[in-house]
Amino acid sequence: MMEAQKLADQVAELQGSLLAMECFMNALAEALSPEARVVVQAFYDSESTAFRTALMNSTAPEATIDAFERDVQRATALFGDPDSEFSEGS
């Protein structure tokens, strides 16, 4: 197998794994109670901020940083607006 094909196969395998992990994380986020959602969102914000700082101080490729930012935004959108969650239940 050519080296380029081997690398392409590895990238495709990683993409499949990441998609499966995203499905799992989406399901977990949807199952959270409104109270737990707020706590998880706070931890996620803290962790993503720390990772963002580490990425910006690293030699990570721009594509890695762009994908990180895109996926953080997508994950953050899953949490929704915590205030609207509580007002619906009131």
Protein backbone atom coordinates (compact mmCIF):
# COMPACT_ATOMS: atom_id res chain seq x y z
CA MET A 1 0.00 0.00 0.00
CA MET A 2 1.30 3.42 -0.88
CA GLU A 3 2.20 5.69 2.02
CA ALA A 4 -0.33 8.34 0.97
CA GLN A 5 -3.12 5.74 0.87
CA LYS A 6 -2.11 4.43 4.28
CA LEU A 7 -2.27 7.95 5.71
CA ALA A 8 -5.63 8.60 4.03
CA ASP A 9 -7.00 5.38 5.54
CA GLN A 10 -5.76 6.40 8.99
CA VAL A 11 -7.39 9.83 8.67
CA ALA A 12 -10.66 8.21 7.58
CA GLU A 13 -10.50 5.84 10.54
CA LEU A 14 -9.93 8.75 12.93
CA GLN A 15 -12.87 10.63 11.40
CA GLY A 16 -15.14 7.63 11.98
CA SER A 17 -13.98 7.33 15.57
CA LEU A 18 -14.54 11.03 16.20
CA LEU A 19 -18.03 10.89 14.71
CA ALA A 20 -18.94 7.96 16.94
CA MET A 21 -17.57 9.81 19.98
CA GLU A 22 -19.54 12.92 19.03
CA CYS A 23 -22.76 10.87 18.81
CA PHE A 24 -22.07 9.45 22.25
CA MET A 25 -21.34 12.85 23.75
CA ASN A 26 -24.46 14.34 22.13
CA ALA A 27 -26.57 11.60 23.69
CA LEU A 28 -25.02 12.23 27.11
CA ALA A 29 -25.58 15.97 26.84
CA GLU A 30 -29.22 15.49 25.88
CA ALA A 31 -29.79 13.17 28.84
CA LEU A 32 -28.57 15.71 31.40
CA SER A 33 -31.01 17.39 33.72
CA PRO A 34 -31.08 21.20 33.44
CA GLU A 35 -29.17 21.47 36.71
CA ALA A 36 -26.46 19.02 35.61
CA ARG A 37 -26.27 20.70 32.22
CA VAL A 38 -25.22 23.99 33.86
CA VAL A 39 -22.47 22.25 35.84
CA VAL A 40 -21.14 20.32 32.83
CA GLN A 41 -21.23 23.46 30.70
CA ALA A 42 -19.13 25.33 33.30
CA PHE A 43 -16.55 22.54 33.39
CA TYR A 44 -16.53 22.33 29.59
CA ASP A 45 -15.98 26.08 29.29
CA SER A 46 -13.07 25.85 31.72
CA GLU A 47 -11.49 22.86 29.98
CA SER A 48 -11.88 24.29 26.48
CA THR A 49 -10.32 27.57 27.62
CA ALA A 50 -7.31 25.70 29.02
CA PHE A 51 -6.94 23.62 25.86
CA ARG A 52 -7.31 26.72 23.68
CA THR A 53 -4.44 28.37 25.55
CA ALA A 54 -2.29 25.27 25.16
CA LEU A 55 -3.08 25.05 21.44
CA MET A 56 -2.26 28.71 20.85
CA ASN A 57 1.11 28.21 22.55
CA SER A 58 1.88 25.06 20.57
CA THR A 59 3.00 24.27 17.06
CA ALA A 60 -0.38 22.71 16.23
CA PRO A 61 -1.39 23.15 12.61
CA GLU A 62 -3.98 25.82 11.83
CA ALA A 63 -6.38 23.09 10.68
CA THR A 64 -6.24 21.53 14.16
CA ILE A 65 -6.97 24.84 15.85
CA ASP A 66 -9.80 25.63 13.42
CA ALA A 67 -11.39 22.20 13.97
CA PHE A 68 -11.07 22.61 17.75
CA GLU A 69 -12.81 26.00 17.65
CA ARG A 70 -15.55 24.73 15.34
CA ASP A 71 -16.27 21.71 17.51
CA VAL A 72 -16.19 23.70 20.76
CA GLN A 73 -18.83 25.99 19.28
CA ARG A 74 -20.93 23.03 18.19
CA ALA A 75 -20.66 21.37 21.61
CA THR A 76 -21.47 24.63 23.40
CA ALA A 77 -24.62 24.96 21.28
CA LEU A 78 -25.75 21.55 22.57
CA PHE A 79 -26.02 22.98 26.07
CA GLY A 80 -28.34 25.74 24.93
CA ASP A 81 -29.17 28.75 27.08
CA PRO A 82 -29.21 27.59 30.71
CA ASP A 83 -31.57 30.40 31.75
CA SER A 84 -34.21 29.36 29.23
CA GLU A 85 -34.00 25.76 30.48
CA PHE A 86 -34.91 26.82 34.00
CA SER A 87 -37.62 29.25 32.95
CA GLU A 88 -39.39 26.55 30.94
CA GLY A 89 -39.68 24.34 34.01
CA SER A 90 -40.99 27.14 36.24
